[in-house]
Amino acid sequence: LVVGDRLDTDVALGERAGMTTALVLTGSTDRASLAA
């Protein structure tokens, strides 16, 4: 399980490697940027 606040680094890391990803909304990403 990968947990992080950035889509382009934390979530992308897990997505590319076949891990489960969890985005937290306490840092660089809010729901508007997630939707986009």
PDB file of all heavy atoms in Angstrom:
ATOM      1  N   LEU A   1       0.853  -1.183   0.000  1.00  0.00           N
ATOM      2  CA  LEU A   1       0.000   0.000   0.000  1.00  0.00           C
ATOM      3  C   LEU A   1       0.889   1.234   0.000  1.00  0.00           C
ATOM      4  O   LEU A   1       1.784   1.359   0.837  1.00  0.00           O
ATOM      5  CB  LEU A   1      -0.890   0.017   1.246  1.00  0.00           C
ATOM      6  CG  LEU A   1      -1.729   1.279   1.474  1.00  0.00           C
ATOM      7  CD1 LEU A   1      -2.806   1.413   0.392  1.00  0.00           C
ATOM      8  CD2 LEU A   1      -2.368   1.261   2.863  1.00  0.00           C
ATOM      9  N   VAL A   2       0.676   2.141  -0.954  1.00  0.00           N
ATOM     10  CA  VAL A   2       1.408   3.403  -1.027  1.00  0.00           C
ATOM     11  C   VAL A   2       0.483   4.522  -0.578  1.00  0.00           C
ATOM     12  O   VAL A   2      -0.633   4.656  -1.093  1.00  0.00           O
ATOM     13  CB  VAL A   2       1.897   3.697  -2.459  1.00  0.00           C
ATOM     14  CG1 VAL A   2       2.681   5.002  -2.484  1.00  0.00           C
ATOM     15  CG2 VAL A   2       2.746   2.558  -2.979  1.00  0.00           C
ATOM     16  N   VAL A   3       0.952   5.336   0.367  1.00  0.00           N
ATOM     17  CA  VAL A   3       0.153   6.451   0.883  1.00  0.00           C
ATOM     18  C   VAL A   3       0.941   7.739   0.692  1.00  0.00           C
ATOM     19  O   VAL A   3       2.080   7.844   1.153  1.00  0.00           O
ATOM     20  CB  VAL A   3      -0.178   6.261   2.379  1.00  0.00           C
ATOM     21  CG1 VAL A   3      -1.080   7.395   2.868  1.00  0.00           C
ATOM     22  CG2 VAL A   3      -0.831   4.908   2.635  1.00  0.00           C
ATOM     23  N   GLY A   4       0.359   8.713   0.016  1.00  0.00           N
ATOM     24  CA  GLY A   4       1.041   9.980  -0.192  1.00  0.00           C
ATOM     25  C   GLY A   4       0.106  11.064  -0.643  1.00  0.00           C
ATOM     26  O   GLY A   4      -1.069  10.817  -0.946  1.00  0.00           O
ATOM     27  N   ASP A   5       0.631  12.289  -0.714  1.00  0.00           N
ATOM     28  CA  ASP A   5      -0.206  13.451  -1.026  1.00  0.00           C
ATOM     29  C   ASP A   5      -0.054  13.952  -2.453  1.00  0.00           C
ATOM     30  O   ASP A   5      -0.752  14.884  -2.854  1.00  0.00           O
ATOM     31  CB  ASP A   5       0.100  14.600  -0.055  1.00  0.00           C
ATOM     32  CG  ASP A   5       1.472  15.213  -0.302  1.00  0.00           C
ATOM     33  OD1 ASP A   5       2.466  14.452  -0.276  1.00  0.00           O
ATOM     34  OD2 ASP A   5       1.552  16.430  -0.519  1.00  0.00           O
ATOM     35  N   ARG A   6       0.867  13.354  -3.229  1.00  0.00           N
ATOM     36  CA  ARG A   6       1.087  13.839  -4.586  1.00  0.00           C
ATOM     37  C   ARG A   6       0.703  12.780  -5.604  1.00  0.00           C
ATOM     38  O   ARG A   6       1.139  11.619  -5.523  1.00  0.00           O
ATOM     39  CB  ARG A   6       2.543  14.243  -4.793  1.00  0.00           C
ATOM     40  CG  ARG A   6       2.961  15.429  -3.954  1.00  0.00           C
ATOM     41  CD  ARG A   6       4.366  15.889  -4.294  1.00  0.00           C
ATOM     42  NE  ARG A   6       4.420  16.492  -5.619  1.00  0.00           N
ATOM     43  CZ  ARG A   6       5.020  17.667  -5.874  1.00  0.00           C
ATOM     44  NH1 ARG A   6       5.597  18.344  -4.901  1.00  0.00           N
ATOM     45  NH2 ARG A   6       5.041  18.145  -7.094  1.00  0.00           N
ATOM     46  N   LEU A   7      -0.093  13.193  -6.579  1.00  0.00           N
ATOM     47  CA  LEU A   7      -0.509  12.276  -7.625  1.00  0.00           C
ATOM     48  C   LEU A   7       0.646  11.895  -8.537  1.00  0.00           C
ATOM     49  O   LEU A   7       0.798  10.728  -8.917  1.00  0.00           O
ATOM     50  CB  LEU A   7      -1.621  12.920  -8.459  1.00  0.00           C
ATOM     51  CG  LEU A   7      -2.970  13.098  -7.765  1.00  0.00           C
ATOM     52  CD1 LEU A   7      -3.831  14.075  -8.550  1.00  0.00           C
ATOM     53  CD2 LEU A   7      -3.678  11.759  -7.606  1.00  0.00           C
ATOM     54  N   ASP A   8       1.486  12.880  -8.895  1.00  0.00           N
ATOM     55  CA  ASP A   8       2.512  12.650  -9.908  1.00  0.00           C
ATOM     56  C   ASP A   8       3.744  11.933  -9.386  1.00  0.00           C
ATOM     57  O   ASP A   8       4.588  11.506 -10.179  1.00  0.00           O
ATOM     58  CB  ASP A   8       2.918  13.967 -10.567  1.00  0.00           C
ATOM     59  CG  ASP A   8       3.441  14.996  -9.568  1.00  0.00           C
ATOM     60  OD1 ASP A   8       3.270  14.800  -8.353  1.00  0.00           O
ATOM     61  OD2 ASP A   8       4.016  16.016 -10.018  1.00  0.00           O
ATOM     62  N   THR A   9       3.865  11.774  -8.081  1.00  0.00           N
ATOM     63  CA  THR A   9       5.010  11.043  -7.541  1.00  0.00           C
ATOM     64  C   THR A   9       4.546   9.834  -6.720  1.00  0.00           C
ATOM     65  O   THR A   9       4.812   8.696  -7.085  1.00  0.00           O
ATOM     66  CB  THR A   9       5.903  11.961  -6.683  1.00  0.00           C
ATOM     67  OG1 THR A   9       5.120  12.574  -5.644  1.00  0.00           O
ATOM     68  CG2 THR A   9       6.533  13.027  -7.541  1.00  0.00           C
ATOM     69  N   ASP A  10       3.819  10.077  -5.643  1.00  0.00           N
ATOM     70  CA  ASP A  10       3.424   8.978  -4.753  1.00  0.00           C
ATOM     71  C   ASP A  10       2.458   8.008  -5.431  1.00  0.00           C
ATOM     72  O   ASP A  10       2.704   6.797  -5.481  1.00  0.00           O
ATOM     73  CB  ASP A  10       2.776   9.544  -3.484  1.00  0.00           C
ATOM     74  CG  ASP A  10       3.669  10.523  -2.764  1.00  0.00           C
ATOM     75  OD1 ASP A  10       4.844  10.187  -2.544  1.00  0.00           O
ATOM     76  OD2 ASP A  10       3.203  11.623  -2.425  1.00  0.00           O
ATOM     77  N   VAL A  11       1.358   8.549  -5.943  1.00  0.00           N
ATOM     78  CA  VAL A  11       0.350   7.683  -6.573  1.00  0.00           C
ATOM     79  C   VAL A  11       0.891   7.087  -7.868  1.00  0.00           C
ATOM     80  O   VAL A  11       0.691   5.904  -8.150  1.00  0.00           O
ATOM     81  CB  VAL A  11      -0.956   8.458  -6.813  1.00  0.00           C
ATOM     82  CG1 VAL A  11      -1.954   7.595  -7.584  1.00  0.00           C
ATOM     83  CG2 VAL A  11      -1.571   8.891  -5.475  1.00  0.00           C
ATOM     84  N   ALA A  12       1.606   7.889  -8.646  1.00  0.00           N
ATOM     85  CA  ALA A  12       2.176   7.367  -9.900  1.00  0.00           C
ATOM     86  C   ALA A  12       3.171   6.247  -9.635  1.00  0.00           C
ATOM     87  O   ALA A  12       3.237   5.269 -10.393  1.00  0.00           O
ATOM     88  CB  ALA A  12       2.838   8.492 -10.690  1.00  0.00           C
ATOM     89  N   LEU A  13       3.956   6.370  -8.567  1.00  0.00           N
ATOM     90  CA  LEU A  13       4.894   5.303  -8.198  1.00  0.00           C
ATOM     91  C   LEU A  13       4.156   3.991  -8.010  1.00  0.00           C
ATOM     92  O   LEU A  13       4.525   2.954  -8.582  1.00  0.00           O
ATOM     93  CB  LEU A  13       5.622   5.671  -6.907  1.00  0.00           C
ATOM     94  CG  LEU A  13       6.533   4.584  -6.321  1.00  0.00           C
ATOM     95  CD1 LEU A  13       7.910   4.648  -6.965  1.00  0.00           C
ATOM     96  CD2 LEU A  13       6.656   4.716  -4.807  1.00  0.00           C
ATOM     97  N   GLY A  14       3.113   4.015  -7.192  1.00  0.00           N
ATOM     98  CA  GLY A  14       2.364   2.799  -6.921  1.00  0.00           C
ATOM     99  C   GLY A  14       1.629   2.282  -8.132  1.00  0.00           C
ATOM    100  O   GLY A  14       1.585   1.075  -8.393  1.00  0.00           O
ATOM    101  N   GLU A  15       1.035   3.182  -8.894  1.00  0.00           N
ATOM    102  CA  GLU A  15       0.269   2.794 -10.078  1.00  0.00           C
ATOM    103  C   GLU A  15       1.155   2.068 -11.081  1.00  0.00           C
ATOM    104  O   GLU A  15       0.779   1.023 -11.630  1.00  0.00           O
ATOM    105  CB  GLU A  15      -0.343   4.049 -10.702  1.00  0.00           C
ATOM    106  CG  GLU A  15      -1.235   3.797 -11.894  1.00  0.00           C
ATOM    107  CD  GLU A  15      -1.830   5.092 -12.413  1.00  0.00           C
ATOM    108  OE1 GLU A  15      -1.115   5.826 -13.128  1.00  0.00           O
ATOM    109  OE2 GLU A  15      -2.999   5.373 -12.100  1.00  0.00           O
ATOM    110  N   ARG A  16       2.345   2.601 -11.327  1.00  0.00           N
ATOM    111  CA  ARG A  16       3.249   2.003 -12.313  1.00  0.00           C
ATOM    112  C   ARG A  16       3.788   0.651 -11.859  1.00  0.00           C
ATOM    113  O   ARG A  16       4.058  -0.221 -12.685  1.00  0.00           O
ATOM    114  CB  ARG A  16       4.419   2.943 -12.574  1.00  0.00           C
ATOM    115  CG  ARG A  16       4.033   4.252 -13.235  1.00  0.00           C
ATOM    116  CD  ARG A  16       5.241   5.159 -13.393  1.00  0.00           C
ATOM    117  NE  ARG A  16       4.902   6.463 -13.944  1.00  0.00           N
ATOM    118  CZ  ARG A  16       5.778   7.418 -14.197  1.00  0.00           C
ATOM    119  NH1 ARG A  16       7.071   7.209 -13.959  1.00  0.00           N
ATOM    120  NH2 ARG A  16       5.390   8.570 -14.685  1.00  0.00           N
ATOM    121  N   ALA A  17       3.942   0.490 -10.549  1.00  0.00           N
ATOM    122  CA  ALA A  17       4.548  -0.737 -10.030  1.00  0.00           C
ATOM    123  C   ALA A  17       3.518  -1.799  -9.642  1.00  0.00           C
ATOM    124  O   ALA A  17       3.898  -2.885  -9.207  1.00  0.00           O
ATOM    125  CB  ALA A  17       5.414  -0.405  -8.816  1.00  0.00           C
ATOM    126  N   GLY A  18       2.245  -1.501  -9.787  1.00  0.00           N
ATOM    127  CA  GLY A  18       1.213  -2.476  -9.452  1.00  0.00           C
ATOM    128  C   GLY A  18       0.885  -2.552  -7.980  1.00  0.00           C
ATOM    129  O   GLY A  18       0.398  -3.578  -7.492  1.00  0.00           O
ATOM    130  N   MET A  19       1.122  -1.471  -7.248  1.00  0.00           N
ATOM    131  CA  MET A  19       0.771  -1.398  -5.833  1.00  0.00           C
ATOM    132  C   MET A  19      -0.612  -0.772  -5.678  1.00  0.00           C
ATOM    133  O   MET A  19      -1.147  -0.162  -6.598  1.00  0.00           O
ATOM    134  CB  MET A  19       1.796  -0.549  -5.077  1.00  0.00           C
ATOM    135  CG  MET A  19       3.249  -0.958  -5.281  1.00  0.00           C
ATOM    136  SD  MET A  19       4.377   0.233  -4.512  1.00  0.00           S
ATOM    137  CE  MET A  19       5.949  -0.272  -5.219  1.00  0.00           C
ATOM    138  N   THR A  20      -1.185  -0.915  -4.500  1.00  0.00           N
ATOM    139  CA  THR A  20      -2.425  -0.219  -4.167  1.00  0.00           C
ATOM    140  C   THR A  20      -2.077   1.185  -3.700  1.00  0.00           C
ATOM    141  O   THR A  20      -1.132   1.373  -2.938  1.00  0.00           O
ATOM    142  CB  THR A  20      -3.195  -0.963  -3.060  1.00  0.00           C
ATOM    143  OG1 THR A  20      -3.498  -2.285  -3.515  1.00  0.00           O
ATOM    144  CG2 THR A  20      -4.490  -0.245  -2.717  1.00  0.00           C
ATOM    145  N   THR A  21      -2.833   2.174  -4.167  1.00  0.00           N
ATOM    146  CA  THR A  21      -2.492   3.561  -3.864  1.00  0.00           C
ATOM    147  C   THR A  21      -3.585   4.256  -3.068  1.00  0.00           C
ATOM    148  O   THR A  21      -4.779   4.048  -3.309  1.00  0.00           O
ATOM    149  CB  THR A  21      -2.246   4.356  -5.159  1.00  0.00           C
ATOM    150  OG1 THR A  21      -3.430   4.306  -5.980  1.00  0.00           O
ATOM    151  CG2 THR A  21      -1.077   3.763  -5.935  1.00  0.00           C
ATOM    152  N   ALA A  22      -3.162   5.090  -2.120  1.00  0.00           N
ATOM    153  CA  ALA A  22      -4.088   5.898  -1.330  1.00  0.00           C
ATOM    154  C   ALA A  22      -3.578   7.336  -1.317  1.00  0.00           C
ATOM    155  O   ALA A  22      -2.468   7.603  -0.853  1.00  0.00           O
ATOM    156  CB  ALA A  22      -4.201   5.364   0.090  1.00  0.00           C
ATOM    157  N   LEU A  23      -4.389   8.251  -1.829  1.00  0.00           N
ATOM    158  CA  LEU A  23      -4.057   9.673  -1.810  1.00  0.00           C
ATOM    159  C   LEU A  23      -4.618  10.304  -0.549  1.00  0.00           C
ATOM    160  O   LEU A  23      -5.782  10.091  -0.208  1.00  0.00           O
ATOM    161  CB  LEU A  23      -4.663  10.362  -3.030  1.00  0.00           C
ATOM    162  CG  LEU A  23      -4.479  11.880  -3.092  1.00  0.00           C
ATOM    163  CD1 LEU A  23      -3.047  12.231  -3.479  1.00  0.00           C
ATOM    164  CD2 LEU A  23      -5.476  12.508  -4.071  1.00  0.00           C
ATOM    165  N   VAL A  24      -3.796  11.098   0.144  1.00  0.00           N
ATOM    166  CA  VAL A  24      -4.287  11.869   1.288  1.00  0.00           C
ATOM    167  C   VAL A  24      -4.406  13.332   0.874  1.00  0.00           C
ATOM    168  O   VAL A  24      -3.616  13.839   0.078  1.00  0.00           O
ATOM    169  CB  VAL A  24      -3.368  11.723   2.520  1.00  0.00           C
ATOM    170  CG1 VAL A  24      -3.396  10.290   3.035  1.00  0.00           C
ATOM    171  CG2 VAL A  24      -1.933  12.143   2.203  1.00  0.00           C
ATOM    172  N   LEU A  25      -5.406  14.017   1.430  1.00  0.00           N
ATOM    173  CA  LEU A  25      -5.716  15.389   1.032  1.00  0.00           C
ATOM    174  C   LEU A  25      -5.159  16.403   2.018  1.00  0.00           C
ATOM    175  O   LEU A  25      -5.748  17.461   2.235  1.00  0.00           O
ATOM    176  CB  LEU A  25      -7.231  15.549   0.903  1.00  0.00           C
ATOM    177  CG  LEU A  25      -7.891  14.613  -0.109  1.00  0.00           C
ATOM    178  CD1 LEU A  25      -9.409  14.759  -0.068  1.00  0.00           C
ATOM    179  CD2 LEU A  25      -7.364  14.880  -1.521  1.00  0.00           C
ATOM    180  N   THR A  26      -4.007  16.080   2.592  1.00  0.00           N
ATOM    181  CA  THR A  26      -3.403  16.965   3.594  1.00  0.00           C
ATOM    182  C   THR A  26      -2.172  17.692   3.069  1.00  0.00           C
ATOM    183  O   THR A  26      -1.483  18.369   3.831  1.00  0.00           O
ATOM    184  CB  THR A  26      -2.997  16.147   4.840  1.00  0.00           C
ATOM    185  OG1 THR A  26      -2.215  15.017   4.420  1.00  0.00           O
ATOM    186  CG2 THR A  26      -4.220  15.681   5.593  1.00  0.00           C
ATOM    187  N   GLY A  27      -1.887  17.547   1.773  1.00  0.00           N
ATOM    188  CA  GLY A  27      -0.679  18.147   1.234  1.00  0.00           C
ATOM    189  C   GLY A  27      -0.912  18.866  -0.071  1.00  0.00           C
ATOM    190  O   GLY A  27      -1.693  19.815  -0.151  1.00  0.00           O
ATOM    191  N   SER A  28      -0.288  18.381  -1.147  1.00  0.00           N
ATOM    192  CA  SER A  28      -0.248  19.104  -2.415  1.00  0.00           C
ATOM    193  C   SER A  28      -1.502  18.951  -3.261  1.00  0.00           C
ATOM    194  O   SER A  28      -1.696  19.721  -4.207  1.00  0.00           O
ATOM    195  CB  SER A  28       0.963  18.635  -3.236  1.00  0.00           C
ATOM    196  OG  SER A  28       2.160  18.908  -2.564  1.00  0.00           O
ATOM    197  N   THR A  29      -2.345  17.968  -2.972  1.00  0.00           N
ATOM    198  CA  THR A  29      -3.475  17.663  -3.844  1.00  0.00           C
ATOM    199  C   THR A  29      -4.795  17.903  -3.134  1.00  0.00           C
ATOM    200  O   THR A  29      -5.005  17.421  -2.019  1.00  0.00           O
ATOM    201  CB  THR A  29      -3.415  16.203  -4.319  1.00  0.00           C
ATOM    202  OG1 THR A  29      -2.129  15.927  -4.885  1.00  0.00           O
ATOM    203  CG2 THR A  29      -4.484  15.927  -5.362  1.00  0.00           C
ATOM    204  N   ASP A  30      -5.691  18.653  -3.797  1.00  0.00           N
ATOM    205  CA  ASP A  30      -7.047  18.809  -3.279  1.00  0.00           C
ATOM    206  C   ASP A  30      -8.013  18.103  -4.227  1.00  0.00           C
ATOM    207  O   ASP A  30      -7.617  17.552  -5.251  1.00  0.00           O
ATOM    208  CB  ASP A  30      -7.416  20.284  -3.102  1.00  0.00           C
ATOM    209  CG  ASP A  30      -7.274  21.086  -4.394  1.00  0.00           C
ATOM    210  OD1 ASP A  30      -7.296  20.483  -5.493  1.00  0.00           O
ATOM    211  OD2 ASP A  30      -7.157  22.322  -4.304  1.00  0.00           O
ATOM    212  N   ARG A  31      -9.289  18.134  -3.899  1.00  0.00           N
ATOM    213  CA  ARG A  31     -10.256  17.383  -4.705  1.00  0.00           C
ATOM    214  C   ARG A  31     -10.394  17.968  -6.109  1.00  0.00           C
ATOM    215  O   ARG A  31     -10.662  17.230  -7.068  1.00  0.00           O
ATOM    216  CB  ARG A  31     -11.606  17.335  -3.994  1.00  0.00           C
ATOM    217  CG  ARG A  31     -11.561  16.472  -2.730  1.00  0.00           C
ATOM    218  CD  ARG A  31     -12.941  16.125  -2.198  1.00  0.00           C
ATOM    219  NE  ARG A  31     -12.846  15.313  -0.986  1.00  0.00           N
ATOM    220  CZ  ARG A  31     -12.709  13.988  -0.972  1.00  0.00           C
ATOM    221  NH1 ARG A  31     -12.665  13.324  -2.130  1.00  0.00           N
ATOM    222  NH2 ARG A  31     -12.637  13.324   0.162  1.00  0.00           N
ATOM    223  N   ALA A  32     -10.203  19.265  -6.275  1.00  0.00           N
ATOM    224  CA  ALA A  32     -10.302  19.871  -7.603  1.00  0.00           C
ATOM    225  C   ALA A  32      -9.172  19.377  -8.510  1.00  0.00           C
ATOM    226  O   ALA A  32      -9.411  19.012  -9.673  1.00  0.00           O
ATOM    227  CB  ALA A  32     -10.266  21.387  -7.486  1.00  0.00           C
ATOM    228  N   SER A  33      -7.941  19.361  -7.986  1.00  0.00           N
ATOM    229  CA  SER A  33      -6.823  18.889  -8.813  1.00  0.00           C
ATOM    230  C   SER A  33      -6.905  17.387  -9.044  1.00  0.00           C
ATOM    231  O   SER A  33      -6.486  16.882 -10.089  1.00  0.00           O
ATOM    232  CB  SER A  33      -5.487  19.258  -8.170  1.00  0.00           C
ATOM    233  OG  SER A  33      -5.412  18.826  -6.835  1.00  0.00           O
ATOM    234  N   LEU A  34      -7.469  16.651  -8.089  1.00  0.00           N
ATOM    235  CA  LEU A  34      -7.689  15.217  -8.282  1.00  0.00           C
ATOM    236  C   LEU A  34      -8.664  14.980  -9.433  1.00  0.00           C
ATOM    237  O   LEU A  34      -8.437  14.132 -10.298  1.00  0.00           O
ATOM    238  CB  LEU A  34      -8.223  14.592  -6.995  1.00  0.00           C
ATOM    239  CG  LEU A  34      -8.698  13.142  -7.076  1.00  0.00           C
ATOM    240  CD1 LEU A  34      -7.571  12.215  -7.508  1.00  0.00           C
ATOM    241  CD2 LEU A  34      -9.268  12.692  -5.727  1.00  0.00           C
ATOM    242  N   ALA A  35      -9.750  15.751  -9.467  1.00  0.00           N
ATOM    243  CA  ALA A  35     -10.757  15.581 -10.508  1.00  0.00           C
ATOM    244  C   ALA A  35     -10.208  15.903 -11.892  1.00  0.00           C
ATOM    245  O   ALA A  35     -10.648  15.331 -12.895  1.00  0.00           O
ATOM    246  CB  ALA A  35     -11.966  16.468 -10.207  1.00  0.00           C
ATOM    247  N   ALA A  36      -9.216  16.801 -11.943  1.00  0.00           N
ATOM    248  CA  ALA A  36      -8.653  17.216 -13.231  1.00  0.00           C
ATOM    249  C   ALA A  36      -7.509  16.321 -13.696  1.00  0.00           C
ATOM    250  O   ALA A  36      -7.012  16.480 -14.814  1.00  0.00           O
ATOM    251  CB  ALA A  36      -8.171  18.659 -13.133  1.00  0.00           C
TER     252      ALA A  36
END
